[in-house]
Amino acid sequence: MSRRGLLRGAGALSLAAAAAPLVTACGSGTDGTDTAAANARLKLPTYVPFTGVDPDLPAGENLLPGFYGYPSDLVRAVSGKPAEGAGKVSILVNTFTPVPPGAGSNRYWQQLNERVGAELAFNIVPDADYGTKLTTTLAGGDLPDLVMLQSWTPNLPAVLKAKFADLTPYLSGDAVKEYPFLANIPEFSWRPMIANGGIYGLPTPRASIGNIMFTRDDLIAERSLNPQPGSFAEFLELCEGLTDAKAGRWALGDTGVAGGGALMFALAMAGAPNGWAVKGGKFTNAVESDAYPEALDAVAGMVKKKLFHPDAFSATFQQGRDWFGTGKIALKVDGYAAWDILRTTYQGIDVGAMTAPAFDGGGQGWQFTGPGSFAVTGVKKGDEKRIKQLLAIANWMAAPFGTEEHLFRKFGASGTDYTMKDGLPTPTKRGGTDVKIPMQYLVDSPPVIGPGGKAVVDKQYAFHRKAAPLLVEDPTVGLYAATQAAKGQALSKILSGAVSEIVRGNKPVSDWSSVVRSWRQSGGDKVRKEYETVYAQLR
């Protein structure tokens, strides 16, 4: 059996992932047994892949298909107006880019409404403010028709059950075939939609590959450094070679204290589980593994060597991208989709990526799987007609690459919002502002590599092919631990606070054992026991 099959551990989540609530790990029962059993019995939507377009580079296990450009003959995927008669559809969603002009002055938004056959009333909220907006919206009485729920929303399964529709009758098994582009979403992305024994949300599909360590290959080549280190020692040598404080350049801008970053990469090198690992029915948390203090010590040493941007501990998400794009840092952990975002936002840079080497050399580390979906989109409770109208809109938004609907959703109208050359659309000035309605954070089609120039797509595809066999998953997906749901945030604080202090150099790594002991006594051991009990019952 492969290493991936043996361990199925997993740590792509944040440092506090060990205590953070999981969408699929929660329910409404008292001990979780009934909920977990109901989740396990649930028939997920039947997967019916879209076959209307042939990729330039084939898909494989955990490997996305690659496209060099849009096909010359696009498929018309949806006939008529899928939600005609739906009237006004209120939508709450976040954005990481400037909010686009409103529907009154936004021609793209007007055309979008015309195509769908409904008035899509988007309330688009900047990501920094979204948590507050979501909390007040859920507490109020006027719930939008579609709501993007962050995966870390407290007590998410209970919120879904209380506020949103159970979509199981419409999407479970072959029922999803009424919405063929929702059926085109693979099982991996539907798993996080399971809660309370039903399907309680719509996915925004993401690739299994999770977060990636991106590299500024141009800056690495400029210094004649090794872009693919074979051990932590060689990675450290690369970071030291990229750092020149006098010139305003550092290797990294994210320690990983808030999740991801250098700590995630060090954990991948050290072979830590992805949150939890299971062997012989026994669960072990990543924080209990020998890999965790080893990774903490490595990152703390890098901080001491001043290999991070001096504002690393206070930087925003966007600042980190700007530092990478402007060359202030040369290495950055980000979602796999950021490859094209970074490349196109910051013109003229050469973006690459590296897999994690084994910490002491002689092989490869892990590649942690992602969550399968960016978020959970809840559908407001209503009668069957209304829910079907909303699902029809979601199905249109999920139209896959190679369809007219996909091209319009991503780039707008030809000539007005973009121009096409060699199968690649280039946004116009107007398209660069109007076509920023963040539907990709609400419902989306399965991801692909590209479209882009052949060299760019080939480079991305080669990385994905190298990383696919290294993927390590999370064995707690679909399991329920009542203590995790009730105490997850408190347990997270025990870990994250200590991680911050150790990485900053304020406390020694030797303190970690006492931190883990406190976590176990405060509920970690109880969470473990609950997972083990449910896991045994479902075998």
Protein backbone atom coordinates (compact mmCIF):
# COMPACT_ATOMS: atom_id res chain seq x y z
CA MET A 1 0.00 0.00 0.00
CA SER A 2 1.25 3.50 -0.77
CA ARG A 3 2.29 5.93 1.93
CA ARG A 4 -0.82 7.95 1.10
CA GLY A 5 -3.00 4.91 1.63
CA LEU A 6 -1.30 3.93 4.87
CA LEU A 7 -1.46 7.29 6.57
CA ARG A 8 -4.40 9.20 5.14
CA GLY A 9 -3.41 11.71 7.77
CA ALA A 10 -3.52 15.31 6.84
CA GLY A 11 -2.43 18.85 7.74
CA ALA A 12 -3.28 21.34 5.01
CA LEU A 13 -5.40 23.25 7.44
CA SER A 14 -4.18 25.95 9.78
CA LEU A 15 -1.95 25.34 12.75
CA ALA A 16 -5.04 25.31 14.87
CA ALA A 17 -6.77 22.89 12.54
CA ALA A 18 -6.51 20.23 15.16
CA ALA A 19 -9.15 22.08 17.14
CA ALA A 20 -11.06 23.96 14.45
CA PRO A 21 -14.60 22.72 13.74
CA LEU A 22 -15.05 20.89 10.46
CA VAL A 23 -18.23 21.24 8.44
CA THR A 24 -18.53 17.53 7.93
CA ALA A 25 -17.45 16.68 11.44
CA CYS A 26 -20.46 18.18 13.12
CA GLY A 27 -24.10 17.45 13.68
CA SER A 28 -26.97 17.93 16.06
CA GLY A 29 -26.92 14.72 18.10
CA THR A 30 -25.79 14.45 21.70
CA ASP A 31 -22.98 11.96 21.17
CA GLY A 32 -22.68 12.16 17.39
CA THR A 33 -23.42 8.50 16.75
CA ASP A 34 -26.78 9.02 15.08
CA THR A 35 -25.58 12.00 13.07
CA ALA A 36 -22.43 10.27 11.87
CA ALA A 37 -24.38 7.16 10.88
CA ALA A 38 -26.89 9.32 8.98
CA ASN A 39 -24.05 11.13 7.23
CA ALA A 40 -22.50 7.82 6.27
CA ARG A 41 -25.80 6.48 4.86
CA LEU A 42 -26.41 9.60 2.82
CA LYS A 43 -26.15 9.13 -0.92
CA LEU A 44 -24.05 11.93 -2.37
CA PRO A 45 -25.00 13.48 -5.72
CA THR A 46 -24.30 11.12 -8.61
CA TYR A 47 -21.17 12.25 -10.43
CA VAL A 48 -21.83 12.77 -14.15
CA PRO A 49 -18.74 14.39 -15.71
CA PHE A 50 -19.16 16.91 -18.51
CA THR A 51 -17.81 15.51 -21.78
CA GLY A 52 -18.50 18.42 -24.10
CA VAL A 53 -14.87 19.49 -24.48
CA ASP A 54 -11.56 17.63 -24.77
CA PRO A 55 -8.63 18.94 -22.71
CA ASP A 56 -5.18 19.51 -24.16
CA LEU A 57 -3.71 17.68 -21.16
CA PRO A 58 -5.70 14.79 -19.67
CA ALA A 59 -7.08 14.57 -16.15
CA GLY A 60 -5.96 11.80 -13.82
CA GLU A 61 -6.31 10.77 -10.19
CA ASN A 62 -6.11 14.04 -8.25
CA LEU A 63 -4.84 15.66 -11.46
CA LEU A 64 -6.77 18.47 -13.15
CA PRO A 65 -7.14 18.63 -16.95
CA GLY A 66 -5.14 21.31 -18.73
CA PHE A 67 -6.29 23.73 -21.44
CA TYR A 68 -4.16 26.02 -23.57
CA GLY A 69 -7.14 28.14 -24.61
CA TYR A 70 -10.90 28.25 -24.96
CA PRO A 71 -12.26 25.99 -27.73
CA SER A 72 -13.15 27.77 -30.94
CA ASP A 73 -16.61 26.17 -30.84
CA LEU A 74 -18.07 26.74 -27.40
CA VAL A 75 -20.89 24.57 -26.13
CA ARG A 76 -24.22 26.27 -25.44
CA ALA A 77 -24.95 24.57 -22.14
CA VAL A 78 -28.25 26.04 -20.99
CA SER A 79 -31.26 26.75 -23.18
CA GLY A 80 -33.56 29.63 -22.34
CA LYS A 81 -33.49 31.51 -19.04
CA PRO A 82 -33.08 28.94 -16.25
CA ALA A 83 -34.68 31.02 -13.49
CA GLU A 84 -37.30 32.94 -15.44
CA GLY A 85 -40.03 34.08 -13.08
CA ALA A 86 -37.83 33.93 -9.99
CA GLY A 87 -37.98 37.70 -9.57
CA LYS A 88 -35.49 39.20 -7.15
CA VAL A 89 -32.87 36.83 -5.76
CA SER A 90 -30.90 38.25 -2.83
CA ILE A 91 -27.32 36.99 -2.45
CA LEU A 92 -24.66 37.57 0.22
CA VAL A 93 -21.09 36.83 -0.83
CA ASN A 94 -17.58 38.06 -0.06
CA THR A 95 -14.87 39.40 -2.34
CA PHE A 96 -11.08 39.76 -2.32
CA THR A 97 -11.11 42.45 -5.02
CA PRO A 98 -12.69 45.91 -5.20
CA VAL A 99 -16.49 45.81 -5.24
CA PRO A 100 -17.71 46.29 -8.85
CA PRO A 101 -20.11 49.04 -9.94
CA GLY A 102 -23.74 48.40 -9.04
CA ALA A 103 -26.33 46.92 -11.37
CA GLY A 104 -27.62 50.35 -12.42
CA SER A 105 -24.33 51.27 -14.12
CA ASN A 106 -22.86 47.81 -14.71
CA ARG A 107 -23.72 46.48 -18.17
CA TYR A 108 -22.25 43.07 -17.37
CA TRP A 109 -24.48 42.73 -14.29
CA GLN A 110 -27.51 43.70 -16.39
CA GLN A 111 -26.64 41.08 -19.02
CA LEU A 112 -26.13 38.51 -16.29
CA ASN A 113 -29.63 39.11 -15.00
CA GLU A 114 -31.01 38.91 -18.52
CA ARG A 115 -29.32 35.57 -19.20
CA VAL A 116 -30.42 33.99 -15.93
CA GLY A 117 -33.93 35.44 -16.03
CA ALA A 118 -33.87 36.88 -12.52
CA GLU A 119 -32.74 40.00 -10.70
CA LEU A 120 -29.58 38.84 -8.95
CA ALA A 121 -29.26 41.28 -6.06
CA PHE A 122 -25.68 40.66 -4.92
CA ASN A 123 -24.59 42.12 -1.60
CA ILE A 124 -20.83 41.98 -2.14
CA VAL A 125 -18.80 42.45 1.06
CA PRO A 126 -15.00 42.80 1.29
CA ASP A 127 -13.44 39.75 2.92
CA ALA A 128 -12.11 41.72 5.90
CA ASP A 129 -15.67 42.68 6.85
CA TYR A 130 -17.45 39.51 5.82
CA GLY A 131 -17.40 37.68 9.14
CA THR A 132 -19.13 40.56 10.90
CA LYS A 133 -21.67 40.96 8.11
CA LEU A 134 -22.44 37.25 8.09
CA THR A 135 -22.95 37.17 11.86
CA THR A 136 -25.40 40.07 11.82
CA THR A 137 -27.23 38.62 8.82
CA LEU A 138 -27.71 35.24 10.46
CA ALA A 139 -28.87 36.90 13.66
CA GLY A 140 -31.43 39.02 11.79
CA GLY A 141 -34.77 37.92 10.45
CA ASP A 142 -34.37 38.78 6.74
CA LEU A 143 -32.18 36.03 5.31
CA PRO A 144 -30.94 36.32 1.69
CA ASP A 145 -31.87 33.58 -0.79
CA LEU A 146 -28.24 32.46 -1.19
CA VAL A 147 -25.60 32.97 1.49
CA MET A 148 -21.91 32.14 1.30
CA LEU A 149 -20.97 30.60 4.66
CA GLN A 150 -17.33 30.44 5.63
CA SER A 151 -16.27 26.90 6.51
CA TRP A 152 -15.15 28.07 9.97
CA THR A 153 -18.55 29.56 10.82
CA PRO A 154 -19.19 28.61 14.47
CA ASN A 155 -21.64 25.71 14.89
CA LEU A 156 -22.12 25.62 11.14
CA PRO A 157 -24.21 22.41 11.00
CA ALA A 158 -26.65 23.83 13.56
CA VAL A 159 -26.81 27.09 11.62
CA LEU A 160 -27.49 25.21 8.39
CA LYS A 161 -30.27 23.16 9.97
CA ALA A 162 -31.92 26.18 11.57
CA LYS A 163 -31.66 28.65 8.72
CA PHE A 164 -31.26 26.84 5.41
CA ALA A 165 -32.96 24.25 3.26
CA ASP A 166 -32.17 20.55 3.32
CA LEU A 167 -31.27 19.96 -0.33
CA THR A 168 -31.15 16.18 -0.07
CA PRO A 169 -34.44 15.56 -1.96
CA TYR A 170 -33.21 17.68 -4.87
CA LEU A 171 -29.56 16.62 -5.09
CA SER A 172 -29.00 13.20 -3.48
CA GLY A 173 -28.16 10.36 -5.86
CA ASP A 174 -29.68 10.62 -9.34
CA ALA A 175 -31.92 13.53 -8.33
CA VAL A 176 -29.00 15.85 -9.09
CA LYS A 177 -29.24 14.94 -12.78
CA GLU A 178 -31.96 17.56 -13.09
CA TYR A 179 -29.06 20.00 -12.62
CA PRO A 180 -26.35 18.53 -14.89
CA PHE A 181 -23.63 21.01 -14.00
CA LEU A 182 -24.08 20.44 -10.30
CA ALA A 183 -23.81 16.74 -11.18
CA ASN A 184 -20.48 17.57 -12.86
CA ILE A 185 -19.02 18.53 -9.45
CA PRO A 186 -16.99 15.61 -8.05
CA GLU A 187 -17.69 13.89 -4.74
CA PHE A 188 -14.61 15.43 -3.10
CA SER A 189 -16.30 18.84 -3.22
CA TRP A 190 -19.69 17.58 -2.03
CA ARG A 191 -18.36 15.94 1.13
CA PRO A 192 -18.10 19.24 3.06
CA MET A 193 -21.77 19.90 2.25
CA ILE A 194 -22.88 16.98 4.45
CA ALA A 195 -24.38 17.97 7.78
CA ASN A 196 -27.19 16.72 10.01
CA GLY A 197 -27.53 13.60 7.86
CA GLY A 198 -28.33 15.60 4.72
CA ILE A 199 -26.97 17.86 1.97
CA TYR A 200 -27.20 21.35 3.41
CA GLY A 201 -25.21 23.46 0.99
CA LEU A 202 -23.80 24.03 -2.49
CA PRO A 203 -20.04 23.79 -3.06
CA THR A 204 -17.55 26.15 -4.59
CA PRO A 205 -15.30 23.36 -5.90
CA ARG A 206 -11.60 23.42 -5.29
CA ALA A 207 -8.90 20.98 -6.34
CA SER A 208 -7.74 18.31 -3.95
CA ILE A 209 -4.20 19.64 -4.14
CA GLY A 210 -4.79 22.35 -1.54
CA ASN A 211 -2.25 25.08 -0.78
CA ILE A 212 1.02 25.42 -2.67
CA MET A 213 4.40 26.97 -1.93
CA PHE A 214 4.73 29.43 -4.82
CA THR A 215 8.13 30.62 -5.96
CA ARG A 216 9.43 33.63 -7.85
CA ASP A 217 11.48 31.58 -10.28
CA ASP A 218 12.88 34.73 -11.91
CA LEU A 219 14.34 35.94 -8.59
CA ILE A 220 15.69 32.49 -7.76
CA ALA A 221 17.36 32.20 -11.17
CA GLU A 222 18.74 35.74 -10.85
CA ARG A 223 20.67 34.60 -7.78
CA SER A 224 21.58 31.18 -9.24
CA LEU A 225 19.82 29.40 -6.38
CA ASN A 226 18.26 25.94 -6.25
CA PRO A 227 14.50 26.18 -7.00
CA GLN A 228 13.78 22.62 -5.79
CA PRO A 229 15.57 22.02 -2.47
CA GLY A 230 15.94 18.40 -1.40
CA SER A 231 15.80 18.90 2.40
CA PHE A 232 15.01 21.52 5.00
CA ALA A 233 18.71 22.44 5.12
CA GLU A 234 18.64 23.16 1.39
CA PHE A 235 15.36 25.07 1.76
CA LEU A 236 16.97 27.18 4.48
CA GLU A 237 19.93 27.84 2.18
CA LEU A 238 17.50 29.01 -0.51
CA CYS A 239 15.77 31.35 1.93
CA GLU A 240 19.06 32.82 3.08
CA GLY A 241 20.12 33.37 -0.52
CA LEU A 242 16.87 35.21 -1.28
CA THR A 243 17.06 37.52 1.73
CA ASP A 244 18.71 40.93 1.43
CA ALA A 245 17.24 43.24 4.07
CA LYS A 246 19.25 46.24 2.89
CA ALA A 247 17.65 45.87 -0.54
CA GLY A 248 14.20 45.38 0.99
CA ARG A 249 13.95 41.72 0.02
CA TRP A 250 13.16 38.69 2.13
CA ALA A 251 12.45 35.05 1.43
CA LEU A 252 8.98 34.84 2.99
CA GLY A 253 6.15 36.96 4.31
CA ASP A 254 4.00 34.47 6.22
CA THR A 255 5.25 32.47 9.21
CA GLY A 256 2.07 30.43 9.37
CA VAL A 257 1.02 31.59 12.83
CA ALA A 258 -2.43 32.45 11.44
CA GLY A 259 -2.59 29.29 9.32
CA GLY A 260 -0.70 27.96 6.30
CA GLY A 261 2.52 29.77 5.50
CA ALA A 262 6.00 28.53 6.32
CA LEU A 263 4.78 26.39 9.22
CA MET A 264 2.45 24.45 6.94
CA PHE A 265 5.33 23.82 4.54
CA ALA A 266 7.59 22.73 7.40
CA LEU A 267 4.89 20.35 8.66
CA ALA A 268 4.62 18.90 5.15
CA MET A 269 8.39 18.38 5.11
CA ALA A 270 8.34 16.74 8.53
CA GLY A 271 5.50 14.37 7.61
CA ALA A 272 2.88 15.67 10.05
CA PRO A 273 -0.73 14.44 9.78
CA ASN A 274 -3.33 16.67 8.14
CA GLY A 275 -5.16 17.52 11.36
CA TRP A 276 -5.57 13.86 12.39
CA ALA A 277 -4.11 10.50 11.39
CA VAL A 278 -5.70 7.10 12.02
CA LYS A 279 -3.96 3.76 12.34
CA GLY A 280 -5.64 0.61 13.55
CA GLY A 281 -8.68 2.65 14.54
CA LYS A 282 -6.61 4.89 16.83
CA PHE A 283 -6.50 8.64 16.14
CA THR A 284 -3.48 10.86 16.60
CA ASN A 285 -3.59 14.61 16.25
CA ALA A 286 -0.92 16.47 14.31
CA VAL A 287 0.04 18.45 17.41
CA GLU A 288 0.94 15.19 19.18
CA SER A 289 3.30 14.03 16.46
CA ASP A 290 7.08 14.43 16.64
CA ALA A 291 6.82 16.39 13.39
CA TYR A 292 5.01 19.32 15.02
CA PRO A 293 7.73 20.56 17.42
CA GLU A 294 10.31 19.85 14.72
CA ALA A 295 8.43 22.16 12.35
CA LEU A 296 7.91 24.78 15.06
CA ASP A 297 11.62 24.79 15.84
CA ALA A 298 12.47 25.14 12.15
CA VAL A 299 10.21 28.17 11.64
CA ALA A 300 11.31 29.80 14.89
CA GLY A 301 14.89 29.47 13.68
CA MET A 302 13.97 31.11 10.38
CA VAL A 303 12.35 34.00 12.25
CA LYS A 304 15.49 34.39 14.32
CA LYS A 305 17.55 34.53 11.12
CA LYS A 306 15.23 37.33 9.89
CA LEU A 307 14.23 35.52 6.73
CA PHE A 308 10.68 36.92 6.90
CA HIS A 309 9.45 40.37 5.93
CA PRO A 310 9.61 42.52 9.09
CA ASP A 311 5.82 43.04 8.98
CA ALA A 312 5.11 39.33 8.55
CA PHE A 313 3.19 38.98 11.83
CA SER A 314 0.78 41.81 11.04
CA ALA A 315 0.40 41.59 7.26
CA THR A 316 -2.95 41.16 5.56
CA PHE A 317 -3.62 38.47 2.99
CA GLN A 318 -3.43 40.98 0.14
CA GLN A 319 -0.22 42.53 1.43
CA GLY A 320 1.41 39.12 1.18
CA ARG A 321 0.40 38.83 -2.45
CA ASP A 322 1.63 42.35 -3.17
CA TRP A 323 4.99 41.59 -1.57
CA PHE A 324 5.31 38.50 -3.74
CA GLY A 325 4.26 40.33 -6.90
CA THR A 326 6.65 43.24 -6.32
CA GLY A 327 9.60 41.06 -5.35
CA LYS A 328 9.77 41.97 -1.67
CA ILE A 329 9.37 38.27 -0.95
CA ALA A 330 10.11 35.34 -3.25
CA LEU A 331 8.21 32.46 -1.62
CA LYS A 332 4.55 32.38 -0.67
CA VAL A 333 2.04 29.72 0.37
CA ASP A 334 -1.34 30.31 -1.29
CA GLY A 335 -4.23 28.40 -2.81
CA TYR A 336 -3.48 26.58 -6.06
CA ALA A 337 -5.71 28.99 -8.01
CA ALA A 338 -3.41 31.85 -7.03
CA TRP A 339 -0.89 30.73 -9.66
CA ASP A 340 -2.82 32.49 -12.43
CA ILE A 341 -3.92 35.34 -10.17
CA LEU A 342 -0.34 36.17 -9.25
CA ARG A 343 0.93 35.73 -12.78
CA THR A 344 -1.68 38.00 -14.38
CA THR A 345 -1.97 40.60 -11.62
CA TYR A 346 1.75 41.25 -11.46
CA GLN A 347 2.87 41.38 -15.06
CA GLY A 348 6.30 40.13 -16.04
CA ILE A 349 6.98 37.80 -13.11
CA ASP A 350 7.82 34.11 -13.48
CA VAL A 351 5.72 32.12 -11.01
CA GLY A 352 6.67 28.57 -10.11
CA ALA A 353 5.97 26.16 -7.27
CA MET A 354 7.79 23.57 -5.21
CA THR A 355 6.75 20.39 -3.49
CA ALA A 356 7.95 19.84 0.06
CA PRO A 357 11.09 17.71 0.33
CA ALA A 358 11.51 15.26 3.20
CA PHE A 359 12.82 17.25 6.14
CA ASP A 360 16.14 15.41 6.37
CA GLY A 361 16.38 14.75 2.64
CA GLY A 362 16.25 11.55 0.66
CA GLY A 363 12.71 11.84 -0.64
CA GLN A 364 9.52 13.85 -0.66
CA GLY A 365 7.35 15.28 2.08
CA TRP A 366 3.58 15.56 1.95
CA GLN A 367 1.20 17.61 -0.13
CA PHE A 368 -1.79 18.35 2.08
CA THR A 369 -5.23 18.08 0.54
CA GLY A 370 -7.49 21.10 0.60
CA PRO A 371 -11.06 21.17 1.90
CA GLY A 372 -12.73 20.41 -1.45
CA SER A 373 -14.82 23.57 -1.36
CA PHE A 374 -13.99 27.21 -0.68
CA ALA A 375 -17.18 27.66 1.31
CA VAL A 376 -20.70 26.34 1.86
CA THR A 377 -23.49 28.20 0.09
CA GLY A 378 -26.74 27.92 1.99
CA VAL A 379 -30.09 28.06 0.20
CA LYS A 380 -32.87 29.83 2.08
CA LYS A 381 -35.77 27.63 3.14
CA GLY A 382 -38.79 27.90 0.88
CA ASP A 383 -41.32 25.93 -1.09
CA GLU A 384 -40.25 23.44 -3.74
CA LYS A 385 -40.73 25.88 -6.60
CA ARG A 386 -38.50 28.52 -5.02
CA ILE A 387 -35.75 26.09 -4.10
CA LYS A 388 -35.73 24.70 -7.64
CA GLN A 389 -35.42 28.23 -9.04
CA LEU A 390 -32.40 28.87 -6.83
CA LEU A 391 -30.85 25.53 -7.79
CA ALA A 392 -31.36 26.40 -11.46
CA ILE A 393 -29.35 29.58 -10.91
CA ALA A 394 -26.65 27.60 -9.12
CA ASN A 395 -26.58 25.09 -11.97
CA TRP A 396 -26.04 27.94 -14.48
CA MET A 397 -23.19 29.30 -12.34
CA ALA A 398 -21.58 25.83 -12.36
CA ALA A 399 -21.49 25.57 -16.18
CA PRO A 400 -18.04 24.10 -16.93
CA PHE A 401 -15.07 25.26 -18.92
CA GLY A 402 -15.73 25.06 -22.64
CA THR A 403 -19.28 26.41 -22.46
CA GLU A 404 -20.59 29.81 -23.51
CA GLU A 405 -21.94 30.31 -20.00
CA HIS A 406 -18.54 29.72 -18.40
CA LEU A 407 -16.81 32.22 -20.68
CA PHE A 408 -19.47 34.85 -20.05
CA ARG A 409 -19.40 34.27 -16.29
CA LYS A 410 -15.64 34.69 -16.15
CA PHE A 411 -15.06 37.40 -18.78
CA GLY A 412 -18.36 38.96 -19.85
CA ALA A 413 -19.30 39.96 -23.38
CA SER A 414 -16.88 39.81 -26.30
CA GLY A 415 -15.69 43.21 -27.49
CA THR A 416 -17.12 45.03 -24.49
CA ASP A 417 -15.58 43.20 -21.57
CA TYR A 418 -12.80 41.25 -23.28
CA THR A 419 -11.04 40.62 -26.57
CA MET A 420 -10.01 37.15 -27.71
CA LYS A 421 -6.66 36.20 -29.22
CA ASP A 422 -5.44 32.64 -29.77
CA GLY A 423 -8.19 31.29 -27.55
CA LEU A 424 -7.25 33.50 -24.62
CA PRO A 425 -9.52 36.36 -23.42
CA THR A 426 -7.98 39.67 -22.36
CA PRO A 427 -10.20 41.93 -20.22
CA THR A 428 -10.86 45.44 -21.45
CA LYS A 429 -10.69 48.35 -19.04
CA ARG A 430 -14.43 48.12 -18.55
CA GLY A 431 -14.36 44.37 -18.12
CA GLY A 432 -11.60 44.69 -15.55
CA THR A 433 -13.99 46.52 -13.23
CA ASP A 434 -17.51 45.36 -14.18
CA VAL A 435 -16.81 41.63 -14.37
CA LYS A 436 -15.83 41.34 -10.73
CA ILE A 437 -19.02 39.86 -9.33
CA PRO A 438 -17.54 37.08 -7.15
CA MET A 439 -19.73 34.18 -8.22
CA GLN A 440 -16.67 31.91 -7.90
CA TYR A 441 -17.05 32.17 -4.11
CA LEU A 442 -20.74 31.25 -4.27
CA VAL A 443 -21.02 28.35 -6.75
CA ASP A 444 -18.48 27.39 -9.37
CA SER A 445 -17.55 24.73 -11.89
CA PRO A 446 -14.83 22.16 -11.20
CA PRO A 447 -11.37 23.70 -11.62
CA VAL A 448 -9.06 23.18 -14.57
CA ILE A 449 -5.46 24.15 -15.27
CA GLY A 450 -5.43 27.10 -17.64
CA PRO A 451 -6.39 28.40 -20.03
CA GLY A 452 -3.06 30.00 -20.70
CA GLY A 453 -0.01 29.92 -22.90
CA LYS A 454 1.40 26.46 -23.51
CA ALA A 455 4.54 27.02 -21.46
CA VAL A 456 2.55 28.30 -18.47
CA VAL A 457 -0.01 25.49 -18.55
CA ASP A 458 2.68 22.83 -19.05
CA LYS A 459 4.57 24.16 -16.03
CA GLN A 460 1.48 24.08 -13.82
CA TYR A 461 0.46 20.64 -15.06
CA ALA A 462 3.93 19.24 -14.35
CA PHE A 463 3.75 20.48 -10.77
CA HIS A 464 0.26 19.04 -10.23
CA ARG A 465 1.39 15.70 -11.65
CA LYS A 466 4.37 15.64 -9.28
CA ALA A 467 2.25 16.63 -6.27
CA ALA A 468 -0.72 14.30 -6.86
CA PRO A 469 0.94 11.11 -5.50
CA LEU A 470 2.02 13.01 -2.36
CA LEU A 471 -1.49 14.00 -1.27
CA VAL A 472 -2.48 13.16 2.29
CA GLU A 473 -6.12 13.40 3.32
CA ASP A 474 -8.06 13.95 6.55
CA PRO A 475 -9.67 10.83 8.05
CA THR A 476 -12.18 12.78 10.14
CA VAL A 477 -14.20 14.00 7.15
CA GLY A 478 -17.75 12.80 7.68
CA LEU A 479 -17.22 12.01 11.36
CA TYR A 480 -18.88 13.85 14.22
CA ALA A 481 -17.35 14.74 17.59
CA ALA A 482 -19.70 16.63 19.90
CA THR A 483 -16.80 18.03 21.92
CA GLN A 484 -15.19 19.31 18.75
CA ALA A 485 -18.35 21.20 17.88
CA ALA A 486 -18.78 22.60 21.39
CA LYS A 487 -15.19 23.41 22.33
CA GLY A 488 -13.40 23.72 19.00
CA GLN A 489 -12.68 27.44 19.24
CA ALA A 490 -11.44 27.22 22.83
CA LEU A 491 -9.16 24.33 21.93
CA SER A 492 -7.85 26.29 18.96
CA LYS A 493 -6.84 29.18 21.20
CA ILE A 494 -4.78 26.91 23.42
CA LEU A 495 -2.74 25.82 20.42
CA SER A 496 -2.58 28.98 18.32
CA GLY A 497 -1.49 31.19 21.20
CA ALA A 498 1.38 28.86 22.04
CA VAL A 499 2.39 28.49 18.39
CA SER A 500 2.65 32.27 18.08
CA GLU A 501 4.81 32.60 21.18
CA ILE A 502 7.18 29.82 20.13
CA VAL A 503 7.57 30.99 16.53
CA ARG A 504 8.25 34.55 17.71
CA GLY A 505 10.95 33.23 20.01
CA ASN A 506 9.20 34.28 23.22
CA LYS A 507 8.92 30.70 24.48
CA PRO A 508 11.07 27.61 23.86
CA VAL A 509 9.92 24.69 21.75
CA SER A 510 10.33 22.52 24.85
CA ASP A 511 7.11 24.12 26.16
CA TRP A 512 5.11 22.41 23.42
CA SER A 513 4.64 19.17 25.35
CA SER A 514 2.88 21.03 28.16
CA VAL A 515 0.71 22.88 25.61
CA VAL A 516 -0.36 19.56 24.09
CA ARG A 517 -1.06 18.19 27.57
CA SER A 518 -3.31 21.17 28.27
CA TRP A 519 -5.09 20.70 24.95
CA ARG A 520 -5.68 17.01 25.71
CA GLN A 521 -6.99 17.69 29.21
CA SER A 522 -9.23 20.53 28.00
CA GLY A 523 -11.06 18.33 25.51
CA GLY A 524 -8.60 17.01 22.94
CA ASP A 525 -8.67 13.49 24.39
CA LYS A 526 -12.45 13.54 24.45
CA VAL A 527 -12.56 14.61 20.80
CA ARG A 528 -10.21 11.73 19.97
CA LYS A 529 -12.39 9.19 21.80
CA GLU A 530 -15.52 10.41 20.04
CA TYR A 531 -13.87 10.14 16.63
CA GLU A 532 -12.60 6.65 17.43
CA THR A 533 -16.04 5.51 18.61
CA VAL A 534 -17.84 6.74 15.52
CA TYR A 535 -15.06 5.51 13.22
CA ALA A 536 -15.34 1.99 14.67
CA GLN A 537 -19.13 1.96 14.26
CA LEU A 538 -18.89 2.94 10.61
CA ARG A 539 -16.36 0.29 9.58
